C-alpha atoms as a PDB file:
ATOM      1  CA  UNK A   1       1.252  -5.419 -22.309  1.00  0.00           C
ATOM      2  CA  UNK A   2       0.648  -2.233 -20.271  1.00  0.00           C
ATOM      3  CA  UNK A   3       0.435  -2.315 -16.482  1.00  0.00           C
ATOM      4  CA  UNK A   4      -3.153  -2.002 -15.242  1.00  0.00           C
ATOM      5  CA  UNK A   5      -4.088  -0.703 -11.787  1.00  0.00           C
ATOM      6  CA  UNK A   6      -7.164  -2.476 -10.386  1.00  0.00           C
ATOM      7  CA  UNK A   7      -8.610  -3.765  -7.109  1.00  0.00           C
ATOM      8  CA  UNK A   8      -7.088  -6.958  -5.766  1.00  0.00           C
ATOM      9  CA  UNK A   9      -8.994 -10.126  -6.640  1.00  0.00           C
ATOM     10  CA  UNK A  10      -8.928 -13.560  -5.016  1.00  0.00           C
ATOM     11  CA  UNK A  11      -6.361 -14.940  -7.512  1.00  0.00           C
ATOM     12  CA  UNK A  12      -3.967 -12.082  -6.605  1.00  0.00           C
ATOM     13  CA  UNK A  13      -3.684 -12.747  -2.874  1.00  0.00           C
ATOM     14  CA  UNK A  14      -0.740 -15.178  -2.886  1.00  0.00           C
ATOM     15  CA  UNK A  15       1.176 -13.078  -5.402  1.00  0.00           C
ATOM     16  CA  UNK A  16       0.667  -9.961  -3.253  1.00  0.00           C
ATOM     17  CA  UNK A  17       1.816 -11.734  -0.083  1.00  0.00           C
ATOM     18  CA  UNK A  18       4.902 -12.997  -1.945  1.00  0.00           C
ATOM     19  CA  UNK A  19       5.555  -9.485  -3.239  1.00  0.00           C
ATOM     20  CA  UNK A  20       5.316  -8.018   0.274  1.00  0.00           C
ATOM     21  CA  UNK A  21       7.789 -10.631   1.525  1.00  0.00           C
ATOM     22  CA  UNK A  22      10.165  -9.917  -1.377  1.00  0.00           C
ATOM     23  CA  UNK A  23      10.020  -6.191  -0.626  1.00  0.00           C
ATOM     24  CA  UNK A  24      10.604  -6.629   3.120  1.00  0.00           C
ATOM     25  CA  UNK A  25       7.215  -5.195   4.099  1.00  0.00           C
ATOM     26  CA  UNK A  26       6.026  -8.016   6.318  1.00  0.00           C
ATOM     27  CA  UNK A  27       6.697  -8.346  10.015  1.00  0.00           C
ATOM     28  CA  UNK A  28       6.269 -11.423  12.221  1.00  0.00           C
ATOM     29  CA  UNK A  29       3.532  -9.746  14.266  1.00  0.00           C
ATOM     30  CA  UNK A  30       1.373  -8.921  11.201  1.00  0.00           C
ATOM     31  CA  UNK A  31      -0.162 -11.773   9.227  1.00  0.00           C
ATOM     32  CA  UNK A  32      -0.355 -10.456   5.645  1.00  0.00           C
ATOM     33  CA  UNK A  33      -3.273 -12.750   4.779  1.00  0.00           C
ATOM     34  CA  UNK A  34      -5.246 -11.348   7.702  1.00  0.00           C
ATOM     35  CA  UNK A  35      -4.266  -7.780   6.744  1.00  0.00           C
ATOM     36  CA  UNK A  36      -5.619  -8.394   3.243  1.00  0.00           C
ATOM     37  CA  UNK A  37      -8.840  -9.957   4.524  1.00  0.00           C
ATOM     38  CA  UNK A  38      -9.392  -7.092   6.966  1.00  0.00           C
ATOM     39  CA  UNK A  39      -8.793  -4.443   4.306  1.00  0.00           C
ATOM     40  CA  UNK A  40     -11.095  -6.150   1.819  1.00  0.00           C
ATOM     41  CA  UNK A  41     -13.847  -6.383   4.442  1.00  0.00           C
ATOM     42  CA  UNK A  42     -13.841  -2.592   4.902  1.00  0.00           C
ATOM     43  CA  UNK A  43     -12.646  -0.938   1.675  1.00  0.00           C
ATOM     44  CA  UNK A  44     -12.202  -3.615  -1.021  1.00  0.00           C
ATOM     45  CA  UNK A  45     -11.769  -1.012  -3.771  1.00  0.00           C
ATOM     46  CA  UNK A  46      -8.829   0.565  -1.925  1.00  0.00           C
ATOM     47  CA  UNK A  47      -6.587  -2.515  -1.974  1.00  0.00           C
ATOM     48  CA  UNK A  48      -5.013  -2.142  -5.389  1.00  0.00           C
ATOM     49  CA  UNK A  49      -2.634  -4.150  -7.522  1.00  0.00           C
ATOM     50  CA  UNK A  50      -0.583  -3.271 -10.539  1.00  0.00           C
ATOM     51  CA  UNK A  51      -1.009  -6.150 -12.960  1.00  0.00           C
ATOM     52  CA  UNK A  52       0.965  -6.987 -16.066  1.00  0.00           C
ATOM     53  CA  UNK A  53      -1.320  -9.614 -17.558  1.00  0.00           C
ATOM     54  CA  UNK A  54      -1.842 -12.222 -14.827  1.00  0.00           C
ATOM     55  CA  UNK A  55       1.299 -11.188 -12.944  1.00  0.00           C
ATOM     56  CA  UNK A  56       1.066  -8.808  -9.972  1.00  0.00           C
ATOM     57  CA  UNK A  57       3.973  -6.352 -10.161  1.00  0.00           C
ATOM     58  CA  UNK A  58       2.862  -3.919  -7.468  1.00  0.00           C
ATOM     59  CA  UNK A  59       0.388  -3.225  -4.696  1.00  0.00           C
ATOM     60  CA  UNK A  60      -0.882  -0.558  -2.351  1.00  0.00           C
ATOM     61  CA  UNK A  61      -3.385  -0.766   0.483  1.00  0.00           C
ATOM     62  CA  UNK A  62      -5.307   2.426   1.212  1.00  0.00           C
ATOM     63  CA  UNK A  63      -7.771   3.131   3.961  1.00  0.00           C
ATOM     64  CA  UNK A  64     -10.067   5.967   4.976  1.00  0.00           C
ATOM     65  CA  UNK A  65     -11.495   6.562   8.431  1.00  0.00           C
ATOM     66  CA  UNK A  66     -13.619   9.603   7.566  1.00  0.00           C
ATOM     67  CA  UNK A  67     -10.904  11.985   8.787  1.00  0.00           C
ATOM     68  CA  UNK A  68      -7.700  10.919   7.044  1.00  0.00           C
ATOM     69  CA  UNK A  69      -6.649   8.488   4.387  1.00  0.00           C
ATOM     70  CA  UNK A  70      -3.727   6.149   4.858  1.00  0.00           C
ATOM     71  CA  UNK A  71      -1.403   4.269   2.519  1.00  0.00           C
ATOM     72  CA  UNK A  72       0.158   0.953   3.484  1.00  0.00           C
ATOM     73  CA  UNK A  73       2.054  -1.845   1.772  1.00  0.00           C
ATOM     74  CA  UNK A  74       3.199   0.089  -1.291  1.00  0.00           C
ATOM     75  CA  UNK A  75       5.317  -2.454  -3.125  1.00  0.00           C
ATOM     76  CA  UNK A  76       6.815  -2.809  -6.575  1.00  0.00           C
ATOM     77  CA  UNK A  77       8.386  -5.985  -7.893  1.00  0.00           C
ATOM     78  CA  UNK A  78      12.138  -5.438  -7.368  1.00  0.00           C
ATOM     79  CA  UNK A  79      12.762  -6.393 -11.014  1.00  0.00           C
ATOM     80  CA  UNK A  80      10.320  -3.692 -12.174  1.00  0.00           C
ATOM     81  CA  UNK A  81      11.462  -0.733 -10.073  1.00  0.00           C
ATOM     82  CA  UNK A  82      12.055   2.486 -11.951  1.00  0.00           C
ATOM     83  CA  UNK A  83       9.116   1.949 -14.332  1.00  0.00           C
ATOM     84  CA  UNK A  84       6.736   4.281 -12.471  1.00  0.00           C
ATOM     85  CA  UNK A  85       4.579   1.496 -11.042  1.00  0.00           C
ATOM     86  CA  UNK A  86       4.776   2.865  -7.501  1.00  0.00           C
ATOM     87  CA  UNK A  87       3.817   6.344  -8.707  1.00  0.00           C
ATOM     88  CA  UNK A  88       0.853   4.915 -10.611  1.00  0.00           C
ATOM     89  CA  UNK A  89      -0.349   3.001  -7.552  1.00  0.00           C
ATOM     90  CA  UNK A  90      -0.066   6.044  -5.273  1.00  0.00           C
ATOM     91  CA  UNK A  91      -1.826   8.267  -7.820  1.00  0.00           C
ATOM     92  CA  UNK A  92      -4.741   5.827  -8.168  1.00  0.00           C
ATOM     93  CA  UNK A  93      -5.031   5.373  -4.397  1.00  0.00           C
ATOM     94  CA  UNK A  94      -5.060   9.160  -3.968  1.00  0.00           C
ATOM     95  CA  UNK A  95      -7.674   9.525  -6.702  1.00  0.00           C
ATOM     96  CA  UNK A  96      -9.945   6.966  -5.044  1.00  0.00           C
ATOM     97  CA  UNK A  97      -9.487   8.544  -1.610  1.00  0.00           C
ATOM     98  CA  UNK A  98     -10.231  12.019  -2.946  1.00  0.00           C
ATOM     99  CA  UNK A  99     -13.394  10.692  -4.620  1.00  0.00           C
ATOM    100  CA  UNK A 100     -14.514   9.558  -1.145  1.00  0.00           C
ATOM    101  CA  UNK A 101     -14.019  13.108   0.180  1.00  0.00           C
ATOM    102  CA  UNK A 102     -10.733  12.344   1.922  1.00  0.00           C
ATOM    103  CA  UNK A 103      -8.979  15.652   2.735  1.00  0.00           C
ATOM    104  CA  UNK A 104      -5.470  14.362   3.554  1.00  0.00           C
ATOM    105  CA  UNK A 105      -3.421  11.206   3.045  1.00  0.00           C
ATOM    106  CA  UNK A 106      -0.968   9.917   5.606  1.00  0.00           C
ATOM    107  CA  UNK A 107       1.583   7.119   5.587  1.00  0.00           C
ATOM    108  CA  UNK A 108       4.331   5.705   7.748  1.00  0.00           C
ATOM    109  CA  UNK A 109       7.913   5.032   6.701  1.00  0.00           C
ATOM    110  CA  UNK A 110      10.114   2.976   8.975  1.00  0.00           C
ATOM    111  CA  UNK A 111      13.026   4.848  10.498  1.00  0.00           C
ATOM    112  CA  UNK A 112      16.166   4.542   8.407  1.00  0.00           C
ATOM    113  CA  UNK A 113      14.300   3.767   5.171  1.00  0.00           C
ATOM    114  CA  UNK A 114      15.664   6.893   3.501  1.00  0.00           C
ATOM    115  CA  UNK A 115      15.127   5.758  -0.094  1.00  0.00           C
ATOM    116  CA  UNK A 116      11.405   5.275   0.516  1.00  0.00           C
ATOM    117  CA  UNK A 117      11.129   8.605   2.364  1.00  0.00           C
ATOM    118  CA  UNK A 118      12.803  10.320  -0.598  1.00  0.00           C
ATOM    119  CA  UNK A 119      10.357   8.625  -3.003  1.00  0.00           C
ATOM    120  CA  UNK A 120       7.443  10.119  -1.068  1.00  0.00           C
ATOM    121  CA  UNK A 121       9.208  13.512  -0.879  1.00  0.00           C
ATOM    122  CA  UNK A 122       9.243  13.551  -4.690  1.00  0.00           C
ATOM    123  CA  UNK A 123       5.507  12.772  -4.733  1.00  0.00           C
ATOM    124  CA  UNK A 124       4.815  15.831  -2.544  1.00  0.00           C
ATOM    125  CA  UNK A 125       4.458  14.186   0.850  1.00  0.00           C
ATOM    126  CA  UNK A 126       5.749  16.256   3.774  1.00  0.00           C
ATOM    127  CA  UNK A 127       7.402  14.911   6.882  1.00  0.00           C
ATOM    128  CA  UNK A 128       5.173  15.806   9.822  1.00  0.00           C
ATOM    129  CA  UNK A 129       6.586  16.251  13.315  1.00  0.00           C
ATOM    130  CA  UNK A 130       4.457  13.547  14.918  1.00  0.00           C
ATOM    131  CA  UNK A 131       4.990  10.306  16.739  1.00  0.00           C
ATOM    132  CA  UNK A 132       3.032   7.216  15.860  1.00  0.00           C
ATOM    133  CA  UNK A 133       1.833   5.173  18.804  1.00  0.00           C
ATOM    134  CA  UNK A 134       0.288   1.743  18.492  1.00  0.00           C
ATOM    135  CA  UNK A 135      -1.516  -0.869  20.536  1.00  0.00           C
ATOM    136  CA  UNK A 136      -2.332  -4.355  19.298  1.00  0.00           C
ATOM    137  CA  UNK A 137      -5.924  -5.350  20.015  1.00  0.00           C
ATOM    138  CA  UNK A 138      -5.976  -8.685  18.155  1.00  0.00           C
ATOM    139  CA  UNK A 139      -2.748 -10.719  18.017  1.00  0.00           C
ATOM    140  CA  UNK A 140      -1.988 -12.250  14.632  1.00  0.00           C
ATOM    141  CA  UNK A 141       0.585 -14.737  15.829  1.00  0.00           C
END
């Protein structure tokens, strides 16, 4: 069965959270269930899954603030890496962002995650000389 990229549905939530845990994307200060609920409340068609039948094998969360698009939580089932699932998810997220008039897509890669940075290099993403600053407004924990 071919992998299908589609918006996340209610039955996908637990599989996506498990996938994010398996891929090391979660952090104690971010509740993944709340992140999903927040994303779906704003841009439900930008939280995408790669599905092989009923099984979620990948995900990406995109967002658009009217100035820039962002990609978060790109994940591929570790047993399915190398099949192009991540590329398909990024391409569909970019397509949807462009359709909204988004001029540029940004993302963050944690320091030291060289393999992921190289993946994005191959997809044409450039490393900008910027610092990312953050401030938590609503604690998840």
